[in-house]
Amino acid sequence: MIFRQLFDPTSSTYTYLLGDGGEALLIDPVYEQVPRDMALLKELGLRLLATLDTHVHADHVTGAWRLHQSCGSAIALAAAAGAELADRPLRHGDRIDFGSRHLTVRATPGHTNGCLTFVLDDETMAFTGDSLLIRGCGRTDFQQGSPQQLFASVRGQILSLPETCLLYPAHDYRGITVTSVAEERRFNPRLGGDVDEGDFAGHMNNLHLPHPKLIAVAVPANMRCGQPEGNAPPPDTPDWAPLTLRFSGVWEIEPMVLLEHAAGVQIVDVREAPEFIDQLGHLEGARLVPLSQLMDRAGELDKDRPVVAVCRSGVRSAQASVLLAKAGFSKVANLAGGMLRWKLEALPVASDSV
């Protein structure tokens, strides 16, 4: 089984990818991170079957609708949440298959009325959303929350799992990635040890926390499963050429696509001068700017026109793409495979001197 824990630094949200037999699930995807998630799915050769939200989030917008638009994945969350556009409403005891594995749905309301925990088939892993955090839990003062209900949910449905079961929350604000049933039974200051329902309710009813900053935006959007108002398309997909986003965060352009769009872009070759005229040659119209000089000479380039970085194999030019993006170039791509692939595909090269 493939397992990846991904992180959104803006909302401190963990997204989880589970894959088996070429099929995958994504738990708690974040709208802005969908290009990253799509890139990882492609690189791992996985087909996304469904997105699973542990609850209607108040601090970020889900990527469920956006992923559904991109790859046809089902949108799954609690039936109790009553969200629009969900095509797989989930209830306690439901089973979600992927490859030869499956998750079992456990209803764990209390943080919100529609909280779910997803338990792996062999009970070695569980994804608890905000119902149980690492040494903590989600608040209970809005979205039909209830401390009494959350106490019963966590004790009855999560901490009743085997002691060795690893628990993965939807958030952690200190960078801690995982805990276990045994740890939380013993060390969770709100829900572990000898704490009873009265202790827990008294604690939770006196937190006096401010509401999440994005609640007014996130909750309505998540009740539409992340669909923007007016069905607006995502704003961050490059429109100057068909590009592929790699999991590294670098946009790549295929050789044939660059050949078709060459007249409208700036081609920057970041190899050293002797390589520019070696047996691989260089692209017609390419400007030689070695990577070691790129930042000092970035002013020679037009920030309003797309830039394609080129090197021998695509490694140095990927770094060039990152540097140019940090320097304020918004339309940057790396030539996939570099001059090696360009030559392999028998595309035209120039071999004149520098």
Protein backbone atom coordinates (compact mmCIF):
# COMPACT_ATOMS: atom_id res chain seq x y z
CA MET A 1 0.00 0.00 0.00
CA ILE A 2 1.13 3.52 -0.82
CA PHE A 3 0.75 6.08 1.97
CA ARG A 4 1.73 9.75 1.87
CA GLN A 5 1.13 12.51 4.43
CA LEU A 6 1.01 15.94 2.78
CA PHE A 7 0.90 19.36 4.45
CA ASP A 8 -0.64 22.75 3.72
CA PRO A 9 1.40 25.36 5.64
CA THR A 10 -1.28 28.08 5.42
CA SER A 11 -3.93 26.14 7.35
CA SER A 12 -1.67 23.49 8.95
CA THR A 13 -3.85 20.85 7.31
CA TYR A 14 -2.69 17.30 6.66
CA THR A 15 -3.91 15.62 3.48
CA TYR A 16 -3.49 11.85 3.25
CA LEU A 17 -3.02 9.80 0.09
CA LEU A 18 -3.71 6.08 0.21
CA GLY A 19 -3.10 3.93 -2.85
CA ASP A 20 -3.25 0.28 -3.80
CA GLY A 21 -3.52 -1.57 -7.11
CA GLY A 22 -3.36 1.67 -9.09
CA GLU A 23 -6.33 3.17 -7.21
CA ALA A 24 -6.21 5.96 -4.64
CA LEU A 25 -8.15 7.93 -2.06
CA LEU A 26 -7.37 11.43 -0.77
CA ILE A 27 -8.45 12.40 2.74
CA ASP A 28 -8.99 16.11 3.51
CA PRO A 29 -7.62 17.68 0.30
CA VAL A 30 -7.03 21.46 0.28
CA TYR A 31 -8.26 23.58 -2.64
CA GLU A 32 -5.01 25.44 -3.25
CA GLN A 33 -2.96 22.21 -3.08
CA VAL A 34 -4.87 20.34 -5.79
CA PRO A 35 -2.13 20.86 -8.44
CA ARG A 36 0.37 19.31 -6.01
CA ASP A 37 -1.93 16.37 -5.32
CA MET A 38 -2.64 15.79 -9.01
CA ALA A 39 1.08 15.82 -9.77
CA LEU A 40 1.75 13.20 -7.09
CA LEU A 41 -1.07 10.96 -8.33
CA LYS A 42 0.32 11.13 -11.85
CA GLU A 43 3.89 10.42 -10.80
CA LEU A 44 2.80 7.41 -8.72
CA GLY A 45 0.53 6.10 -11.49
CA LEU A 46 -2.62 6.26 -9.37
CA ARG A 47 -6.24 6.88 -10.38
CA LEU A 48 -8.15 8.88 -7.80
CA LEU A 49 -11.39 7.12 -6.92
CA ALA A 50 -12.69 9.51 -4.27
CA THR A 51 -11.94 12.37 -1.93
CA LEU A 52 -12.97 11.92 1.70
CA ASP A 53 -13.51 14.87 4.00
CA THR A 54 -13.50 14.10 7.71
CA HIS A 55 -15.90 17.02 8.30
CA VAL A 56 -17.03 20.40 6.96
CA HIS A 57 -13.89 22.39 7.65
CA ALA A 58 -13.92 25.96 8.97
CA ASP A 59 -10.27 26.90 8.33
CA HIS A 60 -9.70 25.97 4.69
CA VAL A 61 -11.66 25.12 1.55
CA THR A 62 -11.71 21.49 0.49
CA GLY A 63 -10.23 20.42 -2.85
CA ALA A 64 -12.99 17.85 -3.40
CA TRP A 65 -14.93 19.68 -6.13
CA ARG A 66 -11.77 20.78 -7.92
CA LEU A 67 -10.41 17.21 -7.99
CA HIS A 68 -13.81 15.94 -9.17
CA GLN A 69 -13.64 18.42 -12.05
CA SER A 70 -10.10 17.33 -12.94
CA CYS A 71 -10.36 13.56 -12.72
CA GLY A 72 -13.95 12.57 -12.03
CA SER A 73 -13.32 11.42 -8.45
CA ALA A 74 -16.32 10.86 -6.21
CA ILE A 75 -16.97 13.38 -3.41
CA ALA A 76 -17.55 11.63 -0.10
CA LEU A 77 -18.36 13.07 3.33
CA ALA A 78 -20.86 12.54 6.10
CA ALA A 79 -24.50 12.40 5.08
CA ALA A 80 -25.19 14.25 8.34
CA ALA A 81 -23.27 17.28 7.06
CA GLY A 82 -25.93 17.93 4.40
CA ALA A 83 -23.44 19.35 1.90
CA GLU A 84 -24.40 20.01 -1.71
CA LEU A 85 -22.70 18.14 -4.58
CA ALA A 86 -21.56 15.21 -2.43
CA ASP A 87 -22.20 12.14 -4.55
CA ARG A 88 -21.29 9.64 -1.86
CA PRO A 89 -22.91 10.47 1.49
CA LEU A 90 -21.21 8.42 4.20
CA ARG A 91 -22.69 6.76 7.25
CA HIS A 92 -21.30 4.80 10.17
CA GLY A 93 -20.17 1.36 9.05
CA ASP A 94 -19.77 2.19 5.36
CA ARG A 95 -16.82 0.65 3.53
CA ILE A 96 -14.66 2.53 1.02
CA ASP A 97 -12.62 0.27 -1.27
CA PHE A 98 -9.39 1.08 -3.11
CA GLY A 99 -7.41 -1.68 -4.82
CA SER A 100 -7.39 -4.69 -2.48
CA ARG A 101 -7.69 -2.49 0.64
CA HIS A 102 -10.53 -0.58 2.26
CA LEU A 103 -11.39 1.98 4.89
CA THR A 104 -14.27 1.63 7.34
CA VAL A 105 -16.27 4.72 8.27
CA ARG A 106 -16.85 5.49 11.94
CA ALA A 107 -19.14 8.37 12.88
CA THR A 108 -17.39 10.54 15.47
CA PRO A 109 -19.55 13.67 15.88
CA GLY A 110 -18.95 16.29 18.53
CA HIS A 111 -16.50 18.72 16.93
CA THR A 112 -19.17 19.11 14.23
CA ASN A 113 -22.30 17.03 13.72
CA GLY A 114 -20.78 15.45 10.59
CA CYS A 115 -17.36 14.31 11.78
CA LEU A 116 -16.06 10.96 10.56
CA THR A 117 -13.01 8.82 11.32
CA PHE A 118 -11.66 6.50 8.63
CA VAL A 119 -10.10 3.24 9.84
CA LEU A 120 -7.83 1.09 7.66
CA ASP A 121 -8.99 -2.50 7.16
CA ASP A 122 -6.37 -4.04 9.49
CA GLU A 123 -6.85 -1.32 12.14
CA THR A 124 -3.20 -0.26 11.98
CA MET A 125 -4.09 3.31 10.95
CA ALA A 126 -7.00 5.69 11.50
CA PHE A 127 -7.63 9.19 10.19
CA THR A 128 -9.39 11.16 12.90
CA GLY A 129 -9.99 14.60 11.37
CA ASP A 130 -10.47 17.10 14.19
CA SER A 131 -12.29 14.67 16.48
CA LEU A 132 -8.97 13.67 18.02
CA LEU A 133 -5.82 15.73 17.56
CA ILE A 134 -2.38 14.90 18.88
CA ARG A 135 -2.71 15.57 22.65
CA GLY A 136 -5.88 17.50 22.00
CA CYS A 137 -9.17 17.59 20.09
CA GLY A 138 -11.30 19.89 18.00
CA ARG A 139 -13.38 22.61 19.60
CA THR A 140 -17.08 22.02 20.28
CA ASP A 141 -18.60 25.50 20.29
CA PHE A 142 -19.99 25.82 16.74
CA GLN A 143 -21.27 23.74 13.76
CA GLN A 144 -23.54 21.72 16.06
CA GLY A 145 -20.63 20.75 18.28
CA SER A 146 -21.16 19.04 21.62
CA PRO A 147 -18.54 18.15 24.26
CA GLN A 148 -20.68 15.30 25.55
CA GLN A 149 -21.03 13.87 22.06
CA LEU A 150 -17.32 14.28 21.27
CA PHE A 151 -16.31 12.56 24.51
CA ALA A 152 -18.50 9.58 23.64
CA SER A 153 -17.23 9.52 20.05
CA VAL A 154 -13.54 9.55 20.90
CA ARG A 155 -13.78 7.09 23.77
CA GLY A 156 -16.14 4.74 21.94
CA GLN A 157 -14.91 4.86 18.35
CA ILE A 158 -11.25 5.95 18.35
CA LEU A 159 -9.60 5.08 21.65
CA SER A 160 -11.34 1.69 21.48
CA LEU A 161 -9.07 0.74 18.57
CA PRO A 162 -5.98 -1.45 19.23
CA GLU A 163 -3.30 0.31 21.27
CA THR A 164 -0.81 0.08 18.40
CA CYS A 165 -3.15 1.75 15.89
CA LEU A 166 -1.53 4.92 14.52
CA LEU A 167 -3.71 8.01 14.54
CA TYR A 168 -3.41 10.72 11.89
CA PRO A 169 -5.24 14.02 12.55
CA ALA A 170 -6.44 16.66 10.09
CA HIS A 171 -4.22 19.31 11.67
CA ASP A 172 -1.24 19.87 13.88
CA TYR A 173 0.10 23.33 14.58
CA ARG A 174 3.46 22.19 16.00
CA GLY A 175 4.54 19.97 13.12
CA ILE A 176 3.90 16.66 14.90
CA THR A 177 2.75 14.10 12.36
CA VAL A 178 1.33 11.04 14.10
CA THR A 179 0.32 9.55 17.43
CA SER A 180 -1.14 6.25 18.62
CA VAL A 181 -4.13 4.99 20.56
CA ALA A 182 -1.88 3.99 23.46
CA GLU A 183 -0.30 7.45 23.65
CA GLU A 184 -3.61 9.31 23.55
CA ARG A 185 -5.22 7.02 26.10
CA ARG A 186 -2.39 7.82 28.47
CA PHE A 187 -1.26 11.36 27.65
CA ASN A 188 -4.13 13.27 26.01
CA PRO A 189 -4.85 15.98 28.63
CA ARG A 190 -8.47 16.38 27.54
CA LEU A 191 -9.57 12.84 26.78
CA GLY A 192 -7.04 10.42 28.24
CA GLY A 193 -6.34 8.92 31.63
CA ASP A 194 -9.09 9.20 34.22
CA VAL A 195 -10.87 12.15 32.59
CA ASP A 196 -14.66 11.73 32.62
CA GLU A 197 -17.39 13.44 30.64
CA GLY A 198 -17.87 16.14 33.28
CA ASP A 199 -14.16 17.00 33.31
CA PHE A 200 -14.11 17.17 29.54
CA ALA A 201 -17.27 19.26 29.16
CA GLY A 202 -16.10 21.69 31.82
CA HIS A 203 -12.81 22.16 30.01
CA MET A 204 -14.31 22.53 26.52
CA ASN A 205 -17.06 24.94 27.61
CA ASN A 206 -14.48 27.37 28.97
CA LEU A 207 -11.96 27.58 26.12
CA HIS A 208 -13.30 30.95 24.87
CA LEU A 209 -11.49 30.64 21.53
CA PRO A 210 -11.89 33.19 18.71
CA HIS A 211 -13.57 31.83 15.60
CA PRO A 212 -11.27 30.71 12.76
CA LYS A 213 -10.35 33.61 10.47
CA LEU A 214 -11.74 31.94 7.35
CA ILE A 215 -14.93 30.51 8.83
CA ALA A 216 -17.22 32.90 6.94
CA VAL A 217 -15.66 31.84 3.65
CA ALA A 218 -14.68 28.24 4.31
CA VAL A 219 -17.90 26.83 5.76
CA PRO A 220 -20.21 28.06 2.94
CA ALA A 221 -17.69 26.92 0.32
CA ASN A 222 -17.34 23.52 1.98
CA MET A 223 -21.10 23.12 2.10
CA ARG A 224 -20.71 23.22 -1.72
CA CYS A 225 -17.83 20.69 -1.46
CA GLY A 226 -15.37 23.41 -2.47
CA GLN A 227 -17.12 24.65 -5.59
CA PRO A 228 -16.34 28.38 -6.06
CA GLU A 229 -19.23 30.80 -6.30
CA GLY A 230 -20.27 31.12 -9.92
CA ASN A 231 -18.43 27.88 -10.76
CA ALA A 232 -15.30 29.97 -11.45
CA PRO A 233 -12.26 28.05 -12.73
CA PRO A 234 -9.09 27.91 -10.62
CA PRO A 235 -6.94 31.01 -11.26
CA ASP A 236 -3.52 29.37 -10.98
CA THR A 237 -3.39 27.16 -14.08
CA PRO A 238 -0.96 28.62 -16.66
CA ASP A 239 -2.71 29.70 -19.85
CA TRP A 240 0.26 30.48 -22.10
CA ALA A 241 0.99 26.82 -22.96
CA PRO A 242 -0.10 23.32 -21.89
CA LEU A 243 2.14 22.58 -18.90
CA THR A 244 2.53 19.77 -16.37
CA LEU A 245 3.08 20.48 -12.68
CA ARG A 246 5.55 18.10 -11.06
CA PHE A 247 5.27 17.11 -7.40
CA SER A 248 8.47 19.12 -6.84
CA GLY A 249 6.42 22.24 -7.61
CA VAL A 250 8.08 22.93 -10.98
CA TRP A 251 5.99 23.42 -14.13
CA GLU A 252 7.31 21.49 -17.13
CA ILE A 253 6.77 21.93 -20.85
CA GLU A 254 7.05 19.02 -23.28
CA PRO A 255 9.52 19.39 -26.17
CA MET A 256 6.85 19.34 -28.92
CA VAL A 257 4.78 21.91 -27.03
CA LEU A 258 7.80 24.21 -26.75
CA LEU A 259 8.48 23.82 -30.48
CA GLU A 260 4.91 24.94 -31.18
CA HIS A 261 5.10 27.91 -28.76
CA ALA A 262 8.74 28.92 -29.25
CA ALA A 263 7.93 32.20 -31.00
CA GLY A 264 6.09 33.52 -27.95
CA VAL A 265 8.55 32.59 -25.18
CA GLN A 266 12.03 33.47 -23.96
CA ILE A 267 14.27 30.39 -24.03
CA VAL A 268 17.05 30.58 -21.46
CA ASP A 269 19.81 27.97 -21.66
CA VAL A 270 21.46 27.69 -18.23
CA ARG A 271 24.36 25.40 -19.20
CA GLU A 272 27.96 26.57 -19.34
CA ALA A 273 29.29 28.14 -22.56
CA PRO A 274 31.16 25.03 -23.86
CA GLU A 275 27.99 22.93 -23.49
CA PHE A 276 25.99 25.44 -25.52
CA ILE A 277 27.94 24.45 -28.65
CA ASP A 278 28.69 20.80 -27.92
CA GLN A 279 27.21 17.79 -29.73
CA LEU A 280 23.74 18.40 -28.31
CA GLY A 281 23.65 21.90 -29.75
CA HIS A 282 21.09 24.41 -28.51
CA LEU A 283 17.63 25.65 -29.35
CA GLU A 284 17.13 28.25 -32.02
CA GLY A 285 16.84 31.67 -30.39
CA ALA A 286 18.02 30.48 -26.97
CA ARG A 287 19.83 32.97 -24.74
CA LEU A 288 22.85 31.55 -22.90
CA VAL A 289 22.72 32.51 -19.20
CA PRO A 290 24.65 29.98 -17.07
CA LEU A 291 22.87 29.04 -13.86
CA SER A 292 25.68 30.57 -11.78
CA GLN A 293 24.96 33.95 -13.41
CA LEU A 294 21.17 33.74 -13.62
CA MET A 295 20.22 35.90 -10.66
CA ASP A 296 22.73 38.59 -11.57
CA ARG A 297 21.41 38.70 -15.13
CA ALA A 298 17.70 38.22 -14.49
CA GLY A 299 17.15 41.87 -15.42
CA GLU A 300 17.95 40.95 -19.03
CA LEU A 301 14.69 39.01 -19.19
CA ASP A 302 11.17 40.36 -19.70
CA LYS A 303 8.93 39.49 -16.74
CA ASP A 304 5.82 39.93 -18.88
CA ARG A 305 6.77 37.16 -21.34
CA PRO A 306 6.91 33.43 -20.54
CA VAL A 307 10.36 31.97 -19.85
CA VAL A 308 11.42 28.38 -20.57
CA ALA A 309 14.62 27.21 -18.89
CA VAL A 310 16.76 24.61 -20.66
CA CYS A 311 19.80 22.53 -19.70
CA ARG A 312 21.29 19.14 -20.58
CA SER A 313 18.90 16.90 -18.62
CA GLY A 314 16.36 19.22 -16.96
CA VAL A 315 17.97 19.26 -13.51
CA ARG A 316 19.78 22.61 -13.59
CA SER A 317 16.91 24.21 -15.50
CA ALA A 318 14.46 23.03 -12.84
CA GLN A 319 16.51 24.94 -10.30
CA ALA A 320 16.56 27.90 -12.67
CA SER A 321 12.76 27.79 -12.83
CA VAL A 322 12.55 27.91 -9.03
CA LEU A 323 14.96 30.85 -8.83
CA LEU A 324 13.14 32.80 -11.53
CA ALA A 325 9.79 32.24 -9.82
CA LYS A 326 11.23 33.55 -6.56
CA ALA A 327 12.56 36.57 -8.46
CA GLY A 328 9.04 37.49 -9.58
CA PHE A 329 8.70 35.74 -12.94
CA SER A 330 5.14 34.40 -12.96
CA LYS A 331 5.30 32.50 -16.27
CA VAL A 332 8.16 30.02 -15.99
CA ALA A 333 8.55 26.43 -17.15
CA ASN A 334 11.30 23.85 -17.35
CA LEU A 335 11.96 21.92 -20.57
CA ALA A 336 11.13 18.30 -19.69
CA GLY A 337 14.16 16.10 -20.20
CA GLY A 338 16.35 18.97 -21.36
CA MET A 339 18.46 18.86 -24.52
CA LEU A 340 18.92 15.09 -24.15
CA ARG A 341 15.22 14.49 -24.74
CA TRP A 342 15.01 17.22 -27.37
CA LYS A 343 17.75 15.51 -29.38
CA LEU A 344 16.23 12.05 -28.77
CA GLU A 345 12.98 13.25 -30.32
CA ALA A 346 14.95 14.50 -33.34
CA LEU A 347 13.74 18.08 -32.98
CA PRO A 348 15.66 20.88 -34.71
CA VAL A 349 18.76 22.33 -33.03
CA ALA A 350 21.19 25.11 -33.76
CA SER A 351 24.90 24.48 -33.39
CA ASP A 352 26.37 27.90 -34.11
CA SER A 353 28.81 29.54 -31.69
CA VAL A 354 27.94 31.55 -28.62
